[in-house]
């Protein structure tokens, strides 16, 4: 199945076997050198009809005809250079007539581009906006993690060629020499550890997945796991309460705890979910507990939480993985044993009501596992609350802990990137405020922070922006919206004079260049800045003062509440207490 002769043959054979298991029946291959590994892999595969055709334009329309008739994607392979450009007319037709095609253009590696290496053009996004999806793969590698990435990327590519509308997917595939199947001894190490179940996560796509999807088999499968978790990730649902109710319904039905990201509304509807876990990042910093709590299955709803601790844990444990999301996007950043269920959680919740009674199922194991998570959550929340209640110093992490205790009911809040989103994940405690958090976590940049928050607040209930100084300064022209803005926005400005997130990175120990090039302090007087735009301003000097200013919010205008903190002290506090909180937990406390 896998050709272990060299790096390229391993990569190409994994590539072709993945497509075969997905359901590929036909590959049209045009001659050329750079595509040699793919040509060999396709030619050697017994279940794929591989047809060589000299002229790329003819080959592409031939492939188009096969795909039109079968409704199954046809693969189209060519070498580097202008060969792929000859596919363009058929690609345009495939888009307009909604025919699924997989375009596989071999390419030279990055170091041989833009240096007159020969038979090399810019092939990235060669077909403009015509493909449903397009990407360039990494250069072949024997790293098992990258082979998982290859597998999962191909699963996604296969899906995108058919959903939500059939069309073209373009994969640009670089190869280094040797292109012919000469033996390389380094493949022996991979051969010894290559998993027997490597291709098990692959499920052929069926139309019923999107239109007549039967969830009963998945529910029955989930009942059989004794250690399962639900991850309520980054999400901005239109109906937050209904979304939270659906997650709670699934959680209680399966006895799975819900690890809820601070950027999900789930933490703000805590009365709905008795199995809500908000301190997972801290719990999983305890290695003993991280091992004890290793899940057999994960059901992820929305994007993964920000927590790197959680991501590393999931990647290490490699549980069976299901992602519930109605979009066509690939949410599998961990490249695990993943099945995408393209449905909203609300639909799954409705399906549960139609299932047979599950009282006869043995759920004792899952009940114990869920109870363990809940006990740890309760213990850790007590420790965190005691710590913060005793702190009088203005430190950045306490802001995220305090806000869910004092904001008015239903207050919209926009949370800026960098440290605010991370402190919210660490310390935003479950509450009954029914708050809907908003954020720009698509590209995770700090640009447009103020303007986005004003857009959210426009014509809405009086709103909050939680931001650091650099994110606000990056978008001060947003204040020019003031004269057109209807409503109220309170800006809670944590001013630590620089990029606090960089204090958490190893580069912080190297100064110079750290302060000038990473922390980038701007030394701005925000009182004067606010006066320039005729914005209300107040400096916060105590926690009690902050509580008073948020006890009720104004109806109109914009104001800045500046909380001055010390960037170094903030970072030192996190570095000490995040691990200290985790170390206080052990199995004996339960």
Protein backbone atom coordinates (compact mmCIF):
# COMPACT_ATOMS: atom_id res chain seq x y z
CA UNK A 1 0.00 0.00 0.00
CA UNK A 2 2.76 2.45 1.00
CA UNK A 3 5.84 2.64 -1.21
CA UNK A 4 8.73 3.04 1.24
CA UNK A 5 11.50 3.36 -1.37
CA UNK A 6 12.11 7.05 -0.73
CA UNK A 7 10.58 10.23 0.69
CA UNK A 8 8.68 11.11 -2.47
CA UNK A 9 7.28 7.61 -3.00
CA UNK A 10 6.03 7.52 0.61
CA UNK A 11 4.38 10.91 0.23
CA UNK A 12 2.86 10.17 -3.17
CA UNK A 13 1.59 6.72 -2.18
CA UNK A 14 -0.07 8.10 0.96
CA UNK A 15 -1.54 10.80 -1.28
CA UNK A 16 -2.99 8.33 -3.80
CA UNK A 17 -4.17 5.76 -1.24
CA UNK A 18 -6.03 8.50 0.64
CA UNK A 19 -7.85 9.51 -2.54
CA UNK A 20 -8.60 5.88 -3.35
CA UNK A 21 -10.17 5.33 0.05
CA UNK A 22 -12.20 8.49 -0.39
CA UNK A 23 -13.65 7.07 -3.60
CA UNK A 24 -11.49 8.33 -6.48
CA UNK A 25 -12.02 6.11 -9.53
CA UNK A 26 -10.18 7.87 -12.38
CA UNK A 27 -6.95 9.84 -12.77
CA UNK A 28 -5.86 11.53 -16.00
CA UNK A 29 -2.08 11.92 -16.10
CA UNK A 30 -0.14 14.17 -18.48
CA UNK A 31 3.56 13.40 -19.05
CA UNK A 32 6.35 15.31 -17.35
CA UNK A 33 9.27 14.99 -14.99
CA UNK A 34 8.30 16.94 -11.86
CA UNK A 35 5.10 14.91 -11.48
CA UNK A 36 6.99 11.58 -11.57
CA UNK A 37 6.19 10.55 -7.97
CA UNK A 38 2.46 11.11 -8.50
CA UNK A 39 2.50 9.38 -11.89
CA UNK A 40 4.17 6.29 -10.39
CA UNK A 41 1.78 6.20 -7.43
CA UNK A 42 -1.32 6.50 -9.60
CA UNK A 43 -0.01 3.99 -12.15
CA UNK A 44 0.69 1.43 -9.41
CA UNK A 45 -2.69 1.70 -7.70
CA UNK A 46 -4.97 -1.15 -8.64
CA UNK A 47 -8.34 0.48 -7.85
CA UNK A 48 -7.81 3.74 -9.75
CA UNK A 49 -8.06 3.79 -13.52
CA UNK A 50 -5.06 5.85 -14.60
CA UNK A 51 -5.09 7.20 -18.15
CA UNK A 52 -2.09 8.99 -19.73
CA UNK A 53 -2.94 11.78 -22.21
CA UNK A 54 -0.33 13.92 -23.96
CA UNK A 55 -2.11 17.24 -24.47
CA UNK A 56 -3.15 18.95 -21.26
CA UNK A 57 -6.10 20.79 -22.75
CA UNK A 58 -7.54 17.61 -24.23
CA UNK A 59 -6.81 15.76 -21.00
CA UNK A 60 -8.67 18.32 -18.94
CA UNK A 61 -11.82 18.26 -21.03
CA UNK A 62 -11.69 14.49 -21.09
CA UNK A 63 -11.59 14.48 -17.33
CA UNK A 64 -14.45 16.96 -17.32
CA UNK A 65 -16.61 14.60 -19.37
CA UNK A 66 -15.90 11.66 -17.04
CA UNK A 67 -16.78 13.72 -14.00
CA UNK A 68 -19.95 15.08 -15.61
CA UNK A 69 -21.22 11.57 -16.19
CA UNK A 70 -20.22 9.98 -12.89
CA UNK A 71 -20.69 12.91 -10.54
CA UNK A 72 -17.46 11.79 -8.84
CA UNK A 73 -14.32 13.98 -8.89
CA UNK A 74 -11.74 13.06 -11.50
CA UNK A 75 -8.07 13.70 -10.78
CA UNK A 76 -5.98 15.58 -13.32
CA UNK A 77 -2.18 15.48 -13.01
CA UNK A 78 0.48 17.55 -14.76
CA UNK A 79 4.10 18.59 -14.38
CA UNK A 80 5.42 22.04 -13.48
CA UNK A 81 5.52 25.11 -15.72
CA UNK A 82 2.96 26.07 -18.31
CA UNK A 83 1.43 22.58 -18.42
CA UNK A 84 -1.12 23.51 -15.80
CA UNK A 85 -2.10 26.67 -17.67
CA UNK A 86 -3.54 24.49 -20.41
CA UNK A 87 -6.14 23.18 -17.93
CA UNK A 88 -7.63 26.65 -17.53
CA UNK A 89 -10.51 26.50 -20.07
CA UNK A 90 -11.81 23.20 -18.65
CA UNK A 91 -11.50 24.57 -15.13
CA UNK A 92 -13.64 27.55 -16.09
CA UNK A 93 -16.22 25.21 -17.56
CA UNK A 94 -16.16 22.95 -14.53
CA UNK A 95 -16.87 25.90 -12.28
CA UNK A 96 -19.71 27.23 -14.40
CA UNK A 97 -21.31 23.81 -14.89
CA UNK A 98 -20.62 22.59 -11.36
CA UNK A 99 -18.48 19.58 -12.13
CA UNK A 100 -16.05 18.19 -9.50
CA UNK A 101 -12.37 18.10 -10.55
CA UNK A 102 -9.17 17.60 -8.56
CA UNK A 103 -6.35 19.53 -10.25
CA UNK A 104 -2.92 18.27 -9.13
CA UNK A 105 -0.08 20.44 -10.45
CA UNK A 106 3.42 19.27 -9.59
CA UNK A 107 5.90 22.05 -8.88
CA UNK A 108 9.50 22.73 -8.05
CA UNK A 109 10.27 23.31 -4.35
CA UNK A 110 10.39 26.91 -3.09
CA UNK A 111 14.19 27.19 -3.33
CA UNK A 112 14.07 26.60 -7.10
CA UNK A 113 11.53 29.30 -7.84
CA UNK A 114 12.23 32.83 -9.05
CA UNK A 115 15.79 31.91 -9.94
CA UNK A 116 15.47 30.80 -13.58
CA UNK A 117 15.58 27.12 -12.63
CA UNK A 118 13.66 26.20 -15.76
CA UNK A 119 10.10 24.99 -16.34
CA UNK A 120 9.02 27.09 -13.37
CA UNK A 121 6.23 29.63 -13.18
CA UNK A 122 4.15 30.99 -10.31
CA UNK A 123 1.58 28.21 -9.88
CA UNK A 124 0.13 29.30 -6.55
CA UNK A 125 -3.46 30.43 -7.14
CA UNK A 126 -2.85 29.84 -10.82
CA UNK A 127 -6.57 29.65 -11.53
CA UNK A 128 -7.62 32.80 -9.72
CA UNK A 129 -11.06 32.61 -8.14
CA UNK A 130 -12.32 29.67 -10.19
CA UNK A 131 -11.53 26.84 -7.76
CA UNK A 132 -13.83 26.08 -4.85
CA UNK A 133 -10.62 25.77 -2.83
CA UNK A 134 -6.90 25.85 -3.55
CA UNK A 135 -3.73 25.42 -1.55
CA UNK A 136 -0.08 24.47 -1.86
CA UNK A 137 1.09 21.42 0.05
CA UNK A 138 4.27 21.37 2.06
CA UNK A 139 7.35 19.70 0.57
CA UNK A 140 7.25 15.89 1.13
CA UNK A 141 8.51 14.69 4.49
CA UNK A 142 8.78 11.47 6.52
CA UNK A 143 7.44 13.24 9.62
CA UNK A 144 4.36 11.31 10.73
CA UNK A 145 2.69 14.52 11.84
CA UNK A 146 3.06 15.94 8.33
CA UNK A 147 1.75 12.72 6.80
CA UNK A 148 -1.36 13.15 8.96
CA UNK A 149 -1.56 16.71 7.68
CA UNK A 150 -1.42 15.38 4.12
CA UNK A 151 -4.18 12.86 4.81
CA UNK A 152 -6.50 15.38 6.42
CA UNK A 153 -5.86 18.04 3.78
CA UNK A 154 -6.82 15.58 1.07
CA UNK A 155 -9.99 14.62 2.92
CA UNK A 156 -10.90 18.29 3.02
CA UNK A 157 -9.97 18.80 -0.64
CA UNK A 158 -12.18 15.88 -1.67
CA UNK A 159 -15.06 17.35 0.30
CA UNK A 160 -14.62 20.85 -1.11
CA UNK A 161 -14.75 19.54 -4.65
CA UNK A 162 -18.35 18.51 -3.92
CA UNK A 163 -19.61 20.75 -1.14
CA UNK A 164 -21.32 23.12 -0.86
CA UNK A 165 -21.31 23.25 -4.69
CA UNK A 166 -19.42 20.81 -6.94
CA UNK A 167 -16.43 22.39 -8.63
CA UNK A 168 -12.66 22.55 -8.86
CA UNK A 169 -10.07 22.04 -6.15
CA UNK A 170 -6.47 22.90 -7.00
CA UNK A 171 -3.55 21.41 -5.09
CA UNK A 172 -0.07 22.66 -5.99
CA UNK A 173 2.41 19.95 -5.02
CA UNK A 174 6.16 20.64 -4.79
CA UNK A 175 8.70 17.81 -5.05
CA UNK A 176 12.44 17.78 -4.46
CA UNK A 177 14.84 15.36 -6.18
CA UNK A 178 15.14 12.44 -6.50
CA UNK A 179 11.92 12.24 -8.50
CA UNK A 180 12.49 8.64 -9.63
CA UNK A 181 11.94 5.82 -7.10
CA UNK A 182 15.54 5.31 -5.99
CA UNK A 183 16.00 3.79 -2.50
CA UNK A 184 16.68 6.05 0.51
CA UNK A 185 17.55 4.31 3.77
CA UNK A 186 15.93 6.92 6.04
CA UNK A 187 12.50 5.57 5.16
CA UNK A 188 13.18 2.42 7.20
CA UNK A 189 12.58 4.24 10.50
CA UNK A 190 9.17 5.40 9.32
CA UNK A 191 8.32 1.94 8.01
CA UNK A 192 8.89 0.50 11.48
CA UNK A 193 6.45 2.88 13.19
CA UNK A 194 3.88 3.56 10.47
CA UNK A 195 0.44 3.04 12.10
CA UNK A 196 -1.68 0.16 10.82
CA UNK A 197 -4.80 2.26 11.33
CA UNK A 198 -3.46 5.32 9.51
CA UNK A 199 -6.26 5.35 6.94
CA UNK A 200 -9.07 4.45 9.35
CA UNK A 201 -10.36 8.05 9.78
CA UNK A 202 -11.18 8.23 6.07
CA UNK A 203 -14.89 8.02 5.30
CA UNK A 204 -16.14 8.28 1.72
CA UNK A 205 -18.32 11.33 1.31
CA UNK A 206 -21.98 10.66 0.56
CA UNK A 207 -24.66 13.12 -0.42
CA UNK A 208 -26.68 12.09 2.63
CA UNK A 209 -24.00 13.72 4.77
CA UNK A 210 -25.55 17.08 4.00
CA UNK A 211 -29.14 16.44 3.05
CA UNK A 212 -30.50 13.28 4.69
CA UNK A 213 -27.95 12.72 7.38
CA UNK A 214 -28.75 9.95 9.88
CA UNK A 215 -27.15 10.75 13.21
CA UNK A 216 -28.37 7.73 15.14
CA UNK A 217 -25.26 5.67 14.37
CA UNK A 218 -22.99 8.41 15.69
CA UNK A 219 -25.02 8.76 18.88
CA UNK A 220 -24.86 5.00 19.47
CA UNK A 221 -21.12 5.12 18.88
CA UNK A 222 -20.65 7.93 21.39
CA UNK A 223 -22.63 6.04 24.05
CA UNK A 224 -19.94 3.36 24.03
CA UNK A 225 -17.09 5.63 25.10
CA UNK A 226 -16.42 5.86 28.82
CA UNK A 227 -14.16 8.94 28.52
CA UNK A 228 -15.58 11.54 26.18
CA UNK A 229 -15.51 15.32 26.17
CA UNK A 230 -17.35 18.06 24.33
CA UNK A 231 -15.35 21.14 23.37
CA UNK A 232 -17.46 24.27 23.03
CA UNK A 233 -14.97 26.30 21.07
CA UNK A 234 -14.78 29.79 19.65
CA UNK A 235 -18.25 30.66 18.36
CA UNK A 236 -20.56 33.59 17.68
CA UNK A 237 -23.99 31.97 17.15
CA UNK A 238 -26.94 34.16 16.28
CA UNK A 239 -29.14 32.46 18.88
CA UNK A 240 -26.75 32.12 21.79
CA UNK A 241 -29.26 30.67 24.24
CA UNK A 242 -30.51 28.02 21.81
CA UNK A 243 -26.92 27.15 20.96
CA UNK A 244 -26.01 26.74 24.62
CA UNK A 245 -29.13 24.68 25.31
CA UNK A 246 -28.27 22.31 22.48
CA UNK A 247 -24.74 21.77 23.80
CA UNK A 248 -26.10 21.19 27.30
CA UNK A 249 -28.61 18.67 25.94
CA UNK A 250 -25.88 16.65 24.24
CA UNK A 251 -23.66 16.87 27.32
CA UNK A 252 -26.29 15.53 29.68
CA UNK A 253 -27.42 12.86 27.22
CA UNK A 254 -23.89 11.43 26.94
CA UNK A 255 -22.54 12.36 30.39
CA UNK A 256 -19.70 14.21 28.70
CA UNK A 257 -18.19 17.32 30.34
CA UNK A 258 -18.20 20.52 28.27
CA UNK A 259 -14.84 22.30 28.02
CA UNK A 260 -16.07 25.79 27.18
CA UNK A 261 -13.82 28.43 25.65
CA UNK A 262 -14.19 31.91 27.11
CA UNK A 263 -15.07 33.20 23.64
CA UNK A 264 -18.07 30.87 23.52
CA UNK A 265 -21.37 32.04 25.03
CA UNK A 266 -21.59 28.74 26.94
CA UNK A 267 -19.82 30.11 30.03
CA UNK A 268 -22.38 32.92 30.21
CA UNK A 269 -25.35 30.53 30.38
CA UNK A 270 -23.93 28.39 33.16
CA UNK A 271 -27.37 27.53 34.57
CA UNK A 272 -28.05 25.42 31.48
CA UNK A 273 -25.08 23.11 31.83
CA UNK A 274 -24.17 21.25 35.05
CA UNK A 275 -21.07 19.74 33.42
CA UNK A 276 -19.42 23.03 32.41
CA UNK A 277 -15.61 23.16 32.65
CA UNK A 278 -13.93 26.57 32.36
CA UNK A 279 -10.53 25.79 33.94
CA UNK A 280 -9.41 23.07 31.52
CA UNK A 281 -6.22 24.89 30.52
CA UNK A 282 -5.06 24.99 34.14
CA UNK A 283 -6.18 21.44 34.90
CA UNK A 284 -4.24 20.08 31.93
CA UNK A 285 -1.04 21.77 33.07
CA UNK A 286 -0.94 19.10 35.76
CA UNK A 287 0.74 16.15 33.98
CA UNK A 288 -0.79 13.51 36.26
CA UNK A 289 -4.29 14.78 35.64
CA UNK A 290 -3.64 15.29 31.93
CA UNK A 291 -2.83 11.61 31.67
CA UNK A 292 -5.72 10.50 33.86
CA UNK A 293 -8.20 12.59 31.86
CA UNK A 294 -7.04 11.43 28.40
CA UNK A 295 -10.24 11.21 26.30
CA UNK A 296 -11.22 8.37 24.03
CA UNK A 297 -13.40 10.67 21.96
CA UNK A 298 -13.81 14.41 21.44
CA UNK A 299 -16.82 16.21 20.00
CA UNK A 300 -15.72 19.70 18.96
CA UNK A 301 -18.33 22.39 18.31
CA UNK A 302 -17.03 25.47 16.52
CA UNK A 303 -13.35 26.42 16.32
CA UNK A 304 -10.81 25.06 18.77
CA UNK A 305 -10.22 27.14 21.91
CA UNK A 306 -7.17 29.40 22.06
CA UNK A 307 -5.44 27.24 24.69
CA UNK A 308 -2.14 25.83 23.47
CA UNK A 309 -2.14 23.49 26.45
CA UNK A 310 -5.41 21.95 25.29
CA UNK A 311 -4.25 21.69 21.68
CA UNK A 312 -0.99 19.97 22.62
CA UNK A 313 -2.89 17.53 24.86
CA UNK A 314 -5.34 16.59 22.11
CA UNK A 315 -2.57 16.22 19.54
CA UNK A 316 -0.58 13.98 21.85
CA UNK A 317 -3.53 11.74 22.84
CA UNK A 318 -4.97 11.34 19.30
CA UNK A 319 -8.55 10.51 20.39
CA UNK A 320 -11.34 9.74 17.96
CA UNK A 321 -12.47 13.18 16.88
CA UNK A 322 -15.74 14.61 15.60
CA UNK A 323 -16.27 18.21 14.55
CA UNK A 324 -19.81 19.58 14.41
CA UNK A 325 -20.06 22.64 12.22
CA UNK A 326 -22.46 23.49 9.39
CA UNK A 327 -19.88 25.39 7.32
CA UNK A 328 -17.76 23.97 4.52
CA UNK A 329 -14.54 25.05 6.21
CA UNK A 330 -11.77 22.77 7.45
CA UNK A 331 -11.66 23.10 11.24
CA UNK A 332 -9.17 20.26 11.77
CA UNK A 333 -6.03 22.20 12.70
CA UNK A 334 -4.67 19.23 14.67
CA UNK A 335 -4.88 16.78 11.72
CA UNK A 336 -6.24 14.05 13.96
CA UNK A 337 -8.52 11.05 13.44
CA UNK A 338 -11.28 13.41 12.47
CA UNK A 339 -14.77 13.15 11.06
CA UNK A 340 -16.51 16.38 10.06
CA UNK A 341 -20.26 16.38 10.63
CA UNK A 342 -21.56 19.30 8.60
CA UNK A 343 -24.55 20.04 10.80
CA UNK A 344 -25.37 22.60 13.49
CA UNK A 345 -25.40 21.45 17.09
CA UNK A 346 -29.07 22.43 17.26
CA UNK A 347 -29.91 19.79 14.64
CA UNK A 348 -28.06 17.14 16.60
CA UNK A 349 -29.92 18.14 19.74
CA UNK A 350 -33.23 17.67 17.94
CA UNK A 351 -32.10 14.26 16.72
CA UNK A 352 -31.49 13.12 20.29
CA UNK A 353 -35.17 13.58 21.04
CA UNK A 354 -36.00 11.02 18.36
CA UNK A 355 -33.66 8.31 19.60
CA UNK A 356 -34.68 5.26 21.56
CA UNK A 357 -34.55 5.38 25.34
CA UNK A 358 -30.96 4.98 26.52
CA UNK A 359 -31.66 4.07 30.14
CA UNK A 360 -30.48 0.52 29.50
CA UNK A 361 -27.06 1.69 28.37
CA UNK A 362 -24.10 1.32 30.71
CA UNK A 363 -23.03 4.92 31.32
CA UNK A 364 -21.29 4.32 34.66
CA UNK A 365 -17.84 4.89 33.19
CA UNK A 366 -18.75 8.17 31.57
CA UNK A 367 -20.47 9.34 34.75
CA UNK A 368 -17.30 8.77 36.78
CA UNK A 369 -15.14 10.54 34.19
CA UNK A 370 -17.51 13.50 34.00
CA UNK A 371 -17.68 13.70 37.80
CA UNK A 372 -13.87 13.83 37.97
CA UNK A 373 -13.77 16.84 35.64
CA UNK A 374 -16.50 18.62 37.61
CA UNK A 375 -14.76 18.06 40.93
CA UNK A 376 -11.52 19.46 39.60
CA UNK A 377 -13.38 22.46 38.17
CA UNK A 378 -15.01 23.20 41.54
CA UNK A 379 -11.75 22.92 43.46
CA UNK A 380 -9.83 25.10 41.05
CA UNK A 381 -12.50 27.79 40.87
CA UNK A 382 -12.36 28.08 44.65
CA UNK A 383 -8.58 28.49 44.58
CA UNK A 384 -8.72 31.08 41.77
CA UNK A 385 -11.47 33.10 43.48
CA UNK A 386 -9.56 33.23 46.75
CA UNK A 387 -6.42 34.38 44.96
CA UNK A 388 -8.09 37.18 43.01
CA UNK A 389 -10.21 38.41 45.89
CA UNK A 390 -7.03 39.04 47.85
CA UNK A 391 -5.34 41.07 45.08
CA UNK A 392 -5.57 44.84 45.36
CA UNK A 393 -2.85 45.61 42.83
CA UNK A 394 -4.11 46.45 39.34
CA UNK A 395 -3.01 43.45 37.30
CA UNK A 396 -4.27 42.53 33.86
CA UNK A 397 -5.51 38.96 34.56
CA UNK A 398 -7.93 40.10 37.26
CA UNK A 399 -9.90 42.18 34.74
CA UNK A 400 -11.07 39.06 32.91
CA UNK A 401 -12.02 37.44 36.22
CA UNK A 402 -13.93 40.48 37.49
CA UNK A 403 -16.00 41.43 34.42
CA UNK A 404 -18.39 38.44 34.44
CA UNK A 405 -19.28 39.35 38.02
CA UNK A 406 -20.13 43.00 37.47
CA UNK A 407 -21.32 43.67 33.90
CA UNK A 408 -25.02 44.36 33.32
CA UNK A 409 -27.12 41.48 32.01
CA UNK A 410 -26.84 40.75 28.24
CA UNK A 411 -24.01 43.25 27.69
CA UNK A 412 -22.31 42.76 24.31
CA UNK A 413 -18.54 42.64 24.73
CA UNK A 414 -15.84 42.70 22.07
CA UNK A 415 -12.62 41.07 23.23
CA UNK A 416 -9.41 42.16 21.51
CA UNK A 417 -6.68 39.77 20.45
CA UNK A 418 -3.34 39.06 22.11
CA UNK A 419 -3.54 38.88 25.93
CA UNK A 420 -7.22 39.80 26.52
CA UNK A 421 -8.50 36.69 24.72
CA UNK A 422 -6.08 34.50 26.64
CA UNK A 423 -6.92 35.94 30.03
CA UNK A 424 -10.59 35.48 29.19
CA UNK A 425 -9.95 31.81 28.44
CA UNK A 426 -7.99 31.37 31.65
CA UNK A 427 -10.18 33.29 34.06
CA UNK A 428 -13.61 34.27 32.66
CA UNK A 429 -15.78 32.48 35.18
CA UNK A 430 -19.14 30.80 34.44
CA UNK A 431 -22.03 33.16 35.10
CA UNK A 432 -25.71 33.90 34.50
CA UNK A 433 -25.25 37.15 32.57
CA UNK A 434 -26.28 35.76 29.15
CA UNK A 435 -23.42 37.73 27.60
CA UNK A 436 -22.57 37.23 23.92
CA UNK A 437 -18.81 37.67 23.35
CA UNK A 438 -17.54 38.98 20.01
CA UNK A 439 -14.04 38.85 18.55
CA UNK A 440 -11.93 38.78 15.39
CA UNK A 441 -10.46 35.29 15.66
CA UNK A 442 -10.43 34.54 11.96
CA UNK A 443 -6.92 35.86 11.36
CA UNK A 444 -6.33 36.78 15.01
CA UNK A 445 -4.85 40.18 14.22
CA UNK A 446 -5.13 43.39 16.21
CA UNK A 447 -6.10 45.52 13.22
CA UNK A 448 -9.59 47.03 13.19
CA UNK A 449 -10.26 46.35 16.86
CA UNK A 450 -11.96 49.64 17.69
CA UNK A 451 -13.91 49.90 14.46
CA UNK A 452 -15.21 46.34 14.82
CA UNK A 453 -16.33 46.98 18.36
CA UNK A 454 -18.14 50.15 17.29
CA UNK A 455 -19.88 48.22 14.56
CA UNK A 456 -21.09 45.65 17.06
CA UNK A 457 -22.28 48.31 19.45
CA UNK A 458 -24.06 50.45 16.84
CA UNK A 459 -27.83 50.52 17.56
CA UNK A 460 -27.33 47.88 20.28
CA UNK A 461 -27.42 47.69 24.04
CA UNK A 462 -24.61 49.66 25.67
CA UNK A 463 -21.47 47.65 24.96
CA UNK A 464 -17.93 46.95 26.13
CA UNK A 465 -14.57 46.73 24.38
CA UNK A 466 -11.83 44.96 26.33
CA UNK A 467 -8.49 45.81 24.75
CA UNK A 468 -4.81 46.40 25.27
CA UNK A 469 -3.08 49.64 24.38
CA UNK A 470 -1.42 48.49 21.15
CA UNK A 471 -4.62 47.05 19.69
CA UNK A 472 -6.42 50.31 20.39
CA UNK A 473 -3.61 52.46 19.01
CA UNK A 474 -3.52 50.38 15.85
CA UNK A 475 -7.05 51.60 15.03
CA UNK A 476 -7.38 55.06 16.53
CA UNK A 477 -8.90 56.33 13.31
CA UNK A 478 -11.92 54.34 14.40
CA UNK A 479 -12.70 57.25 16.68
CA UNK A 480 -13.62 59.23 13.58
CA UNK A 481 -16.77 57.06 13.43
CA UNK A 482 -17.92 58.83 16.59
CA UNK A 483 -20.14 61.34 14.82
CA UNK A 484 -22.09 58.58 13.05
CA UNK A 485 -22.17 56.14 15.95
CA UNK A 486 -25.53 55.54 17.66
CA UNK A 487 -25.33 53.84 21.04
CA UNK A 488 -22.66 53.53 23.69
CA UNK A 489 -19.27 51.85 23.90
CA UNK A 490 -17.14 51.69 27.03
CA UNK A 491 -13.52 50.91 26.22
CA UNK A 492 -11.81 49.06 29.05
CA UNK A 493 -8.23 49.89 28.14
CA UNK A 494 -5.54 47.80 29.79
CA UNK A 495 -2.47 49.97 29.32
CA UNK A 496 0.74 48.11 30.03
CA UNK A 497 2.64 50.23 27.50
CA UNK A 498 3.47 47.54 25.01
CA UNK A 499 2.68 44.08 23.73
CA UNK A 500 2.08 42.07 26.85
CA UNK A 501 1.73 38.82 24.94
CA UNK A 502 5.38 38.98 23.89
CA UNK A 503 6.37 38.93 27.57
CA UNK A 504 5.08 35.33 27.60
CA UNK A 505 7.43 34.28 24.79
CA UNK A 506 11.12 33.25 25.00
CA UNK A 507 12.16 36.34 23.04
CA UNK A 508 11.36 38.42 26.13
CA UNK A 509 14.67 37.25 27.64
CA UNK A 510 16.65 38.91 24.85
CA UNK A 511 16.88 42.66 25.19
CA UNK A 512 17.91 44.23 22.94
CA UNK A 513 16.00 43.80 20.66
CA UNK A 514 12.93 42.84 22.76
CA UNK A 515 11.68 46.22 24.00
CA UNK A 516 12.05 48.15 20.75
CA UNK A 517 11.09 45.47 18.27
CA UNK A 518 8.59 43.23 20.10
CA UNK A 519 7.08 45.00 23.11
CA UNK A 520 7.12 48.28 21.12
CA UNK A 521 6.05 50.66 23.90
CA UNK A 522 4.39 53.80 22.51
CA UNK A 523 4.28 56.00 25.64
CA UNK A 524 0.95 57.55 24.69
CA UNK A 525 -1.03 59.82 27.00
CA UNK A 526 -4.53 58.42 26.48
CA UNK A 527 -6.15 61.32 28.30
CA UNK A 528 -4.80 63.67 25.64
CA UNK A 529 -5.68 61.24 22.87
CA UNK A 530 -9.26 61.06 24.11
CA UNK A 531 -9.44 64.86 24.26
CA UNK A 532 -8.34 65.06 20.63
CA UNK A 533 -11.40 63.06 19.59
CA UNK A 534 -13.63 64.52 22.33
CA UNK A 535 -13.98 61.12 23.96
CA UNK A 536 -14.84 60.79 27.65
CA UNK A 537 -11.85 59.50 29.61
CA UNK A 538 -11.16 58.30 33.15
CA UNK A 539 -8.15 56.58 34.69
CA UNK A 540 -9.04 53.64 36.95
CA UNK A 541 -7.01 53.50 40.15
CA UNK A 542 -8.83 50.77 42.08
CA UNK A 543 -11.04 47.73 41.52
CA UNK A 544 -13.85 49.39 43.42
CA UNK A 545 -13.73 52.36 41.07
CA UNK A 546 -14.00 50.00 38.07
CA UNK A 547 -17.01 48.26 39.62
CA UNK A 548 -18.74 51.59 40.14
CA UNK A 549 -18.15 52.72 36.55
CA UNK A 550 -19.57 49.47 35.16
CA UNK A 551 -22.47 49.15 37.59
CA UNK A 552 -24.60 50.79 34.91
CA UNK A 553 -23.51 51.85 31.46
CA UNK A 554 -24.29 55.16 29.71
CA UNK A 555 -26.79 55.17 26.87
CA UNK A 556 -24.73 57.02 24.29
CA UNK A 557 -21.25 58.13 23.37
CA UNK A 558 -17.82 56.58 23.76
CA UNK A 559 -15.67 56.55 26.86
CA UNK A 560 -12.29 55.14 27.82
CA UNK A 561 -11.64 53.60 31.23
CA UNK A 562 -7.88 53.22 31.36
CA UNK A 563 -6.44 50.59 33.71
CA UNK A 564 -2.69 51.13 34.01
CA UNK A 565 -0.75 47.92 34.70
CA UNK A 566 2.88 46.85 34.71
CA UNK A 567 3.65 44.55 31.78
CA UNK A 568 6.49 42.76 33.56
CA UNK A 569 4.48 42.18 36.74
CA UNK A 570 1.50 40.91 34.71
CA UNK A 571 3.72 38.37 32.94
CA UNK A 572 5.44 37.26 36.13
CA UNK A 573 2.09 36.76 37.83
CA UNK A 574 0.84 34.52 35.01
CA UNK A 575 4.06 32.53 34.80
CA UNK A 576 3.93 31.84 38.52
CA UNK A 577 0.23 31.28 39.12
CA UNK A 578 -0.90 29.40 36.03
CA UNK A 579 1.36 26.50 36.93
CA UNK A 580 0.85 26.98 40.66
CA UNK A 581 -2.91 26.58 40.27
CA UNK A 582 -2.35 23.34 38.36
CA UNK A 583 0.13 22.01 40.89
CA UNK A 584 -2.38 22.36 43.71
CA UNK A 585 -4.60 19.80 42.05
CA UNK A 586 -4.08 16.09 42.51
CA UNK A 587 -6.25 13.01 42.65
CA UNK A 588 -6.10 12.89 46.44
CA UNK A 589 -8.20 16.06 46.79
CA UNK A 590 -11.22 14.36 45.25
